[in-house]
């Protein structure tokens, strides 16, 4: 057991019915420094019996905690319980197909030494084997994709990061602080929990937590260097998003909190997509934590959903009215979003700025590849 009974960092992995990637992620995480890093697996899978022997074996390590709930929980409840089970001074959360870089401890030590409460960074993408894409000609299955990075550390006023999110209708997270793919001091999470009764006061854990954090910190740090690797797998929300399959009636999404449909804001199309559930989360957090200054650009939201979910537009906007005046504004945004989407499409395929490595068999191999590119000299900024 950690002699001080206090870890510097807790890495939380909430999971449900995705052992095919989780086991690989756990195998990798178990190689991290067990004196300073605590691994918390919060499992709500229907049946864990097949993998229980391996999970219990890992749980014998002092820094490994495994919790399994047989009761069906919403994604919010599972996430929230996971944070309550973390004891680290700082906490980060990843999905069950993601990874953290092994030098994350070096960064967290630097954060503590400089009294920094939140930080995130650039995220390469790893497409697990069998992951499909929307374009047959550009199948990313088993590949690692990343852009050149600069190692630059920046700090931002949180208000400006929040404004960037809301001005785009909650369709992006940008560099906003979050426990998901970010590092947050536990004291901030405790304040959210004390005032909202949960660390995630909205139906989407990543956005709900991010918006809640903005109430309690003024500055946020971002490093243009990989800290996390974002995994895309067949069953994950990120993987479904790539092929635009994360679209459904709110009532048909089992992982959402039970009251989501009844409490849905009338200004948002009542249909589950990435941007609509993010926008709904922003509104719910603003209500629960009295963030009255938040104003969402709904016209941008409608335009974004229309553009990125064009084939489902009639279903998504069924029984949802947009005024004639707003339709003119939305037309402008649709053109703007389409242009930006085209530019991003081309830039993401520019071989001079984007690297793609194929035949990467699992997340550990993805970490190894990135780690070899990030040589020790590039981490000297964090030397204490």
Protein backbone atom coordinates (compact mmCIF):
# COMPACT_ATOMS: atom_id res chain seq x y z
CA UNK A 1 0.00 0.00 0.00
CA UNK A 2 1.13 3.54 -0.71
CA UNK A 3 2.76 4.55 2.57
CA UNK A 4 1.03 7.92 2.71
CA UNK A 5 -2.23 6.35 1.57
CA UNK A 6 -2.53 9.19 -0.94
CA UNK A 7 -1.76 8.81 -4.63
CA UNK A 8 -0.67 11.74 -6.74
CA UNK A 9 -2.90 10.67 -9.64
CA UNK A 10 -5.98 8.51 -10.03
CA UNK A 11 -6.76 7.21 -13.52
CA UNK A 12 -10.46 6.38 -13.74
CA UNK A 13 -11.80 3.99 -16.40
CA UNK A 14 -15.61 3.72 -16.41
CA UNK A 15 -16.73 0.77 -18.54
CA UNK A 16 -19.67 -1.35 -19.60
CA UNK A 17 -19.73 -4.45 -21.82
CA UNK A 18 -16.51 -3.64 -23.64
CA UNK A 19 -13.97 -6.15 -22.31
CA UNK A 20 -12.49 -6.67 -25.78
CA UNK A 21 -10.73 -3.31 -25.47
CA UNK A 22 -10.78 -2.86 -21.68
CA UNK A 23 -8.49 -5.82 -21.01
CA UNK A 24 -5.82 -4.39 -23.33
CA UNK A 25 -6.14 -0.98 -21.67
CA UNK A 26 -5.80 -2.50 -18.19
CA UNK A 27 -2.74 -4.52 -19.26
CA UNK A 28 -1.09 -1.29 -20.33
CA UNK A 29 -2.13 0.75 -17.28
CA UNK A 30 -0.77 -1.93 -14.95
CA UNK A 31 2.75 -1.04 -16.17
CA UNK A 32 2.60 2.50 -14.73
CA UNK A 33 4.32 3.54 -11.48
CA UNK A 34 2.30 1.84 -8.72
CA UNK A 35 3.65 4.12 -6.01
CA UNK A 36 2.10 7.29 -7.37
CA UNK A 37 -0.66 6.19 -9.74
CA UNK A 38 -3.96 4.64 -8.72
CA UNK A 39 -6.00 2.75 -11.35
CA UNK A 40 -9.76 2.69 -10.74
CA UNK A 41 -11.94 0.48 -12.95
CA UNK A 42 -15.65 1.24 -12.53
CA UNK A 43 -17.47 -1.63 -14.25
CA UNK A 44 -21.20 -1.80 -14.93
CA UNK A 45 -21.05 -4.71 -17.38
CA UNK A 46 -23.96 -7.13 -17.45
CA UNK A 47 -21.72 -10.14 -16.83
CA UNK A 48 -18.10 -9.99 -15.68
CA UNK A 49 -17.68 -13.68 -14.82
CA UNK A 50 -15.53 -14.55 -17.86
CA UNK A 51 -12.91 -11.90 -17.03
CA UNK A 52 -13.27 -11.92 -13.25
CA UNK A 53 -10.18 -14.05 -12.61
CA UNK A 54 -7.94 -11.63 -14.47
CA UNK A 55 -9.59 -8.59 -12.90
CA UNK A 56 -9.28 -10.00 -9.39
CA UNK A 57 -5.66 -10.86 -10.08
CA UNK A 58 -4.91 -7.24 -10.98
CA UNK A 59 -6.91 -6.06 -7.97
CA UNK A 60 -4.29 -7.68 -5.76
CA UNK A 61 -1.92 -4.89 -6.75
CA UNK A 62 -1.94 -2.14 -4.14
CA UNK A 63 -2.73 0.60 -6.65
CA UNK A 64 -5.44 -1.23 -8.59
CA UNK A 65 -9.11 -0.91 -7.62
CA UNK A 66 -11.88 -2.82 -9.35
CA UNK A 67 -15.54 -2.11 -8.66
CA UNK A 68 -18.44 -3.90 -10.33
CA UNK A 69 -22.10 -2.98 -10.00
CA UNK A 70 -24.70 -5.53 -11.07
CA UNK A 71 -27.43 -2.88 -11.05
CA UNK A 72 -28.04 -1.12 -14.35
CA UNK A 73 -26.56 2.38 -14.02
CA UNK A 74 -26.66 5.35 -16.33
CA UNK A 75 -23.32 6.48 -17.71
CA UNK A 76 -23.52 9.44 -15.32
CA UNK A 77 -24.07 7.22 -12.27
CA UNK A 78 -21.20 4.92 -13.25
CA UNK A 79 -18.85 7.86 -13.86
CA UNK A 80 -19.88 9.55 -10.63
CA UNK A 81 -19.35 6.42 -8.55
CA UNK A 82 -15.94 6.04 -10.12
CA UNK A 83 -14.83 9.52 -9.07
CA UNK A 84 -16.03 8.84 -5.51
CA UNK A 85 -13.79 5.76 -5.49
CA UNK A 86 -10.70 7.76 -6.52
CA UNK A 87 -8.28 8.88 -3.79
CA UNK A 88 -5.66 10.68 -5.87
CA UNK A 89 -4.79 14.36 -5.44
CA UNK A 90 -5.37 14.74 -9.18
CA UNK A 91 -7.85 12.72 -11.25
CA UNK A 92 -8.13 11.99 -14.94
CA UNK A 93 -10.58 9.75 -16.75
CA UNK A 94 -10.25 7.80 -19.98
CA UNK A 95 -12.55 5.54 -21.94
CA UNK A 96 -12.11 1.77 -22.02
CA UNK A 97 -10.42 2.07 -25.43
CA UNK A 98 -8.11 5.00 -24.59
CA UNK A 99 -4.67 5.37 -23.01
CA UNK A 100 -2.51 7.82 -21.09
CA UNK A 101 1.11 8.45 -21.95
CA UNK A 102 3.64 7.04 -19.44
CA UNK A 103 5.10 10.50 -18.74
CA UNK A 104 1.75 11.77 -17.41
CA UNK A 105 3.22 11.60 -13.89
CA UNK A 106 5.98 14.01 -14.88
CA UNK A 107 3.31 16.47 -16.01
CA UNK A 108 1.20 16.03 -12.87
CA UNK A 109 4.22 16.58 -10.61
CA UNK A 110 4.88 19.80 -12.50
CA UNK A 111 1.23 20.82 -12.09
CA UNK A 112 1.41 20.26 -8.33
CA UNK A 113 4.67 22.15 -8.00
CA UNK A 114 3.16 25.12 -9.87
CA UNK A 115 -0.26 24.89 -8.15
CA UNK A 116 -2.05 24.25 -11.45
CA UNK A 117 -5.58 22.89 -11.08
CA UNK A 118 -6.37 21.70 -14.61
CA UNK A 119 -4.61 20.69 -17.80
CA UNK A 120 -5.20 18.81 -21.02
CA UNK A 121 -3.32 18.37 -24.27
CA UNK A 122 -3.23 17.21 -27.86
CA UNK A 123 -4.77 13.78 -28.50
CA UNK A 124 -3.65 11.40 -31.24
CA UNK A 125 -6.37 9.00 -32.44
CA UNK A 126 -6.08 5.23 -32.41
CA UNK A 127 -8.58 3.26 -34.49
CA UNK A 128 -8.91 -0.23 -33.05
CA UNK A 129 -8.95 -3.22 -35.44
CA UNK A 130 -12.39 -3.75 -37.02
CA UNK A 131 -13.31 -0.10 -36.53
CA UNK A 132 -15.33 1.06 -39.53
CA UNK A 133 -15.32 4.50 -41.10
CA UNK A 134 -17.89 6.40 -43.10
CA UNK A 135 -15.62 6.38 -46.14
CA UNK A 136 -14.78 2.92 -47.48
CA UNK A 137 -11.78 4.30 -49.31
CA UNK A 138 -10.18 5.54 -46.09
CA UNK A 139 -10.65 2.66 -43.70
CA UNK A 140 -8.70 3.45 -40.52
CA UNK A 141 -9.00 0.05 -38.87
CA UNK A 142 -5.90 -0.69 -36.79
CA UNK A 143 -4.25 2.66 -37.46
CA UNK A 144 -2.75 5.49 -35.41
CA UNK A 145 -3.28 9.03 -36.67
CA UNK A 146 -1.70 12.24 -35.39
CA UNK A 147 -0.59 15.70 -36.40
CA UNK A 148 2.73 17.37 -35.72
CA UNK A 149 2.86 18.93 -32.25
CA UNK A 150 4.92 21.81 -30.88
CA UNK A 151 5.27 21.03 -27.11
CA UNK A 152 4.08 24.57 -26.39
CA UNK A 153 2.35 25.09 -23.02
CA UNK A 154 -0.40 27.71 -23.03
CA UNK A 155 -2.73 29.00 -20.36
CA UNK A 156 -6.16 30.41 -21.05
CA UNK A 157 -8.86 32.32 -19.29
CA UNK A 158 -11.59 29.76 -18.72
CA UNK A 159 -14.27 32.30 -19.68
CA UNK A 160 -12.82 32.54 -23.20
CA UNK A 161 -12.78 28.74 -23.57
CA UNK A 162 -16.38 28.56 -22.37
CA UNK A 163 -17.45 31.27 -24.82
CA UNK A 164 -15.89 29.29 -27.67
CA UNK A 165 -18.01 26.28 -26.72
CA UNK A 166 -21.30 28.13 -26.31
CA UNK A 167 -20.87 30.34 -29.40
CA UNK A 168 -20.72 27.12 -31.42
CA UNK A 169 -23.87 25.77 -29.83
CA UNK A 170 -22.10 23.24 -27.64
CA UNK A 171 -20.99 21.28 -30.72
CA UNK A 172 -17.30 21.37 -29.72
CA UNK A 173 -15.33 21.06 -26.51
CA UNK A 174 -12.13 22.62 -27.77
CA UNK A 175 -9.53 23.05 -25.03
CA UNK A 176 -12.06 23.43 -22.20
CA UNK A 177 -10.99 21.68 -18.94
CA UNK A 178 -12.55 18.30 -18.19
CA UNK A 179 -11.85 15.19 -16.15
CA UNK A 180 -12.35 13.18 -19.37
CA UNK A 181 -9.07 13.29 -21.30
CA UNK A 182 -7.92 15.95 -18.87
CA UNK A 183 -6.23 16.26 -15.47
CA UNK A 184 -8.19 17.96 -12.68
CA UNK A 185 -7.34 18.63 -9.05
CA UNK A 186 -9.73 16.71 -6.81
CA UNK A 187 -10.63 19.82 -4.80
CA UNK A 188 -12.45 21.20 -7.87
CA UNK A 189 -14.44 18.00 -8.28
CA UNK A 190 -15.40 18.09 -4.61
CA UNK A 191 -16.80 21.61 -5.02
CA UNK A 192 -18.94 20.47 -7.95
CA UNK A 193 -20.21 17.48 -6.01
CA UNK A 194 -20.99 19.57 -2.94
CA UNK A 195 -23.06 22.08 -4.91
CA UNK A 196 -24.67 19.82 -7.51
CA UNK A 197 -24.83 16.45 -5.74
CA UNK A 198 -22.87 14.90 -8.60
CA UNK A 199 -19.63 15.47 -10.48
CA UNK A 200 -21.58 15.35 -13.75
CA UNK A 201 -24.70 17.57 -13.52
CA UNK A 202 -25.95 16.78 -17.03
CA UNK A 203 -26.71 13.77 -19.27
CA UNK A 204 -23.32 13.73 -21.05
CA UNK A 205 -20.47 13.20 -18.55
CA UNK A 206 -17.68 14.85 -20.53
CA UNK A 207 -19.48 18.10 -21.34
CA UNK A 208 -21.40 18.26 -18.04
CA UNK A 209 -18.21 17.97 -16.02
CA UNK A 210 -16.35 20.42 -18.24
CA UNK A 211 -18.96 23.16 -17.93
CA UNK A 212 -19.21 22.60 -14.17
CA UNK A 213 -15.44 22.99 -13.79
CA UNK A 214 -15.57 26.44 -15.40
CA UNK A 215 -17.44 27.76 -12.37
CA UNK A 216 -14.56 27.00 -10.02
CA UNK A 217 -11.36 27.81 -11.91
CA UNK A 218 -10.25 30.94 -13.77
CA UNK A 219 -7.26 29.69 -15.77
CA UNK A 220 -6.63 26.44 -17.59
CA UNK A 221 -3.43 25.00 -19.08
CA UNK A 222 -3.05 23.22 -22.41
CA UNK A 223 0.03 21.52 -23.82
CA UNK A 224 0.43 20.82 -27.52
CA UNK A 225 1.86 17.40 -26.75
CA UNK A 226 0.11 14.03 -26.36
CA UNK A 227 -1.00 13.24 -22.81
CA UNK A 228 -3.83 10.92 -23.82
CA UNK A 229 -4.56 8.77 -26.85
CA UNK A 230 -8.19 8.82 -27.97
CA UNK A 231 -9.37 5.34 -28.91
CA UNK A 232 -12.07 4.65 -31.49
CA UNK A 233 -13.63 1.19 -31.27
CA UNK A 234 -16.71 -0.52 -32.65
CA UNK A 235 -18.87 -0.23 -29.52
CA UNK A 236 -17.69 3.14 -28.22
CA UNK A 237 -19.47 6.46 -28.71
CA UNK A 238 -16.38 7.79 -30.48
CA UNK A 239 -16.36 4.82 -32.83
CA UNK A 240 -20.06 5.17 -33.57
CA UNK A 241 -19.58 8.87 -34.16
CA UNK A 242 -17.07 8.21 -36.94
CA UNK A 243 -19.72 6.32 -38.93
CA UNK A 244 -22.52 8.65 -37.76
CA UNK A 245 -24.43 5.91 -35.96
CA UNK A 246 -24.83 7.75 -32.64
CA UNK A 247 -28.32 8.96 -33.57
CA UNK A 248 -31.49 7.78 -31.77
CA UNK A 249 -34.62 8.93 -29.95
CA UNK A 250 -33.77 10.01 -26.41
CA UNK A 251 -36.06 7.32 -24.98
CA UNK A 252 -34.11 4.61 -26.84
CA UNK A 253 -30.69 5.42 -25.37
CA UNK A 254 -30.31 3.13 -22.32
CA UNK A 255 -27.17 4.71 -20.85
CA UNK A 256 -28.77 8.13 -20.31
CA UNK A 257 -30.19 9.14 -16.89
CA UNK A 258 -33.84 8.10 -16.53
CA UNK A 259 -35.16 11.67 -16.31
CA UNK A 260 -33.36 12.90 -19.45
CA UNK A 261 -36.40 12.73 -21.72
CA UNK A 262 -38.80 14.37 -19.26
CA UNK A 263 -36.41 17.23 -18.51
CA UNK A 264 -35.26 17.82 -22.10
CA UNK A 265 -35.04 21.50 -23.04
CA UNK A 266 -37.58 22.51 -25.70
CA UNK A 267 -34.99 24.65 -27.52
CA UNK A 268 -33.03 21.56 -28.56
CA UNK A 269 -34.26 18.87 -31.01
CA UNK A 270 -35.31 15.94 -28.82
CA UNK A 271 -33.01 13.43 -30.45
CA UNK A 272 -29.75 11.92 -29.28
CA UNK A 273 -26.70 12.99 -31.23
CA UNK A 274 -23.31 14.14 -30.01
CA UNK A 275 -24.05 17.88 -30.34
CA UNK A 276 -27.62 17.77 -28.98
CA UNK A 277 -26.68 15.85 -25.83
CA UNK A 278 -23.75 18.22 -25.29
CA UNK A 279 -25.98 21.28 -25.65
CA UNK A 280 -28.54 19.76 -23.27
CA UNK A 281 -25.76 19.10 -20.75
CA UNK A 282 -24.63 22.73 -20.89
CA UNK A 283 -28.14 23.93 -20.11
CA UNK A 284 -28.59 21.48 -17.24
CA UNK A 285 -25.28 22.50 -15.64
CA UNK A 286 -26.12 26.19 -15.99
CA UNK A 287 -29.40 25.56 -14.14
CA UNK A 288 -27.96 23.42 -11.35
CA UNK A 289 -24.91 25.60 -10.70
CA UNK A 290 -26.50 28.99 -11.45
CA UNK A 291 -24.31 29.81 -14.44
CA UNK A 292 -26.65 32.50 -15.69
CA UNK A 293 -24.02 34.04 -17.99
CA UNK A 294 -24.14 31.04 -20.33
CA UNK A 295 -25.88 31.72 -23.63
CA UNK A 296 -25.92 29.00 -26.28
CA UNK A 297 -25.94 29.85 -29.96
CA UNK A 298 -28.86 27.57 -30.86
CA UNK A 299 -28.80 28.52 -34.54
CA UNK A 300 -25.26 27.20 -34.84
CA UNK A 301 -26.38 23.99 -33.10
CA UNK A 302 -29.27 23.47 -35.54
CA UNK A 303 -27.00 24.15 -38.50
CA UNK A 304 -24.33 21.77 -37.24
CA UNK A 305 -26.80 18.94 -36.68
CA UNK A 306 -28.37 19.58 -40.09
CA UNK A 307 -24.96 19.45 -41.81
CA UNK A 308 -23.40 16.49 -40.01
CA UNK A 309 -26.59 14.42 -39.78
CA UNK A 310 -28.11 15.38 -43.11
CA UNK A 311 -29.56 11.94 -43.85
CA UNK A 312 -31.37 11.96 -40.48
CA UNK A 313 -32.47 15.60 -40.64
CA UNK A 314 -36.19 14.88 -41.09
CA UNK A 315 -36.28 12.56 -38.10
CA UNK A 316 -34.16 14.76 -35.84
CA UNK A 317 -36.11 17.93 -36.59
CA UNK A 318 -39.51 16.24 -36.63
CA UNK A 319 -41.99 18.33 -34.57
CA UNK A 320 -39.28 20.96 -34.03
CA UNK A 321 -39.92 24.45 -35.38
CA UNK A 322 -37.30 26.99 -36.41
CA UNK A 323 -38.53 30.52 -37.13
CA UNK A 324 -38.18 32.00 -40.60
CA UNK A 325 -35.71 34.59 -39.29
CA UNK A 326 -33.58 31.89 -37.67
CA UNK A 327 -33.69 29.83 -40.86
CA UNK A 328 -31.90 32.66 -42.68
CA UNK A 329 -29.23 32.73 -39.96
CA UNK A 330 -28.95 28.95 -40.07
CA UNK A 331 -28.45 29.06 -43.83
CA UNK A 332 -25.37 31.24 -43.26
CA UNK A 333 -24.03 28.86 -40.61
CA UNK A 334 -24.65 25.79 -42.80
CA UNK A 335 -22.49 27.32 -45.53
CA UNK A 336 -19.80 28.26 -43.00
CA UNK A 337 -19.83 24.79 -41.38
CA UNK A 338 -19.73 23.06 -44.75
CA UNK A 339 -16.70 25.13 -45.80
CA UNK A 340 -14.93 24.39 -42.50
CA UNK A 341 -15.80 20.71 -42.83
CA UNK A 342 -14.26 20.64 -46.30
CA UNK A 343 -11.12 22.40 -45.09
CA UNK A 344 -10.78 19.98 -42.16
CA UNK A 345 -11.34 17.03 -44.48
CA UNK A 346 -8.49 18.14 -46.70
CA UNK A 347 -6.14 19.18 -43.88
CA UNK A 348 -6.63 15.84 -42.10
CA UNK A 349 -5.37 14.12 -45.22
CA UNK A 350 -2.35 16.35 -45.76
CA UNK A 351 0.67 14.00 -45.53
CA UNK A 352 2.95 16.90 -44.61
CA UNK A 353 1.10 17.66 -41.38
CA UNK A 354 -0.77 14.42 -40.61
CA UNK A 355 0.90 11.09 -40.00
CA UNK A 356 -0.90 7.77 -40.20
CA UNK A 357 0.66 4.48 -39.10
CA UNK A 358 -1.19 1.33 -40.05
CA UNK A 359 -1.27 -2.22 -38.65
CA UNK A 360 -1.13 -1.06 -35.02
CA UNK A 361 -2.48 -4.11 -33.19
CA UNK A 362 -3.51 -2.58 -29.85
CA UNK A 363 -3.38 0.49 -27.61
CA UNK A 364 -0.04 -0.47 -26.01
CA UNK A 365 1.64 -0.46 -29.40
CA UNK A 366 0.06 2.93 -30.13
CA UNK A 367 1.56 4.30 -26.91
CA UNK A 368 4.99 2.90 -27.81
CA UNK A 369 4.92 4.61 -31.18
CA UNK A 370 4.00 8.01 -29.76
CA UNK A 371 6.50 7.63 -26.90
CA UNK A 372 9.38 7.06 -29.32
CA UNK A 373 8.52 10.29 -31.11
CA UNK A 374 8.34 12.22 -27.81
CA UNK A 375 12.00 12.09 -26.81
CA UNK A 376 13.19 13.17 -23.32
CA UNK A 377 14.35 16.58 -24.57
CA UNK A 378 10.77 17.46 -25.47
CA UNK A 379 9.77 16.87 -21.84
CA UNK A 380 12.50 19.02 -20.27
CA UNK A 381 9.98 21.81 -19.68
CA UNK A 382 8.49 19.70 -16.90
CA UNK A 383 11.75 19.01 -15.08
CA UNK A 384 11.49 20.15 -11.47
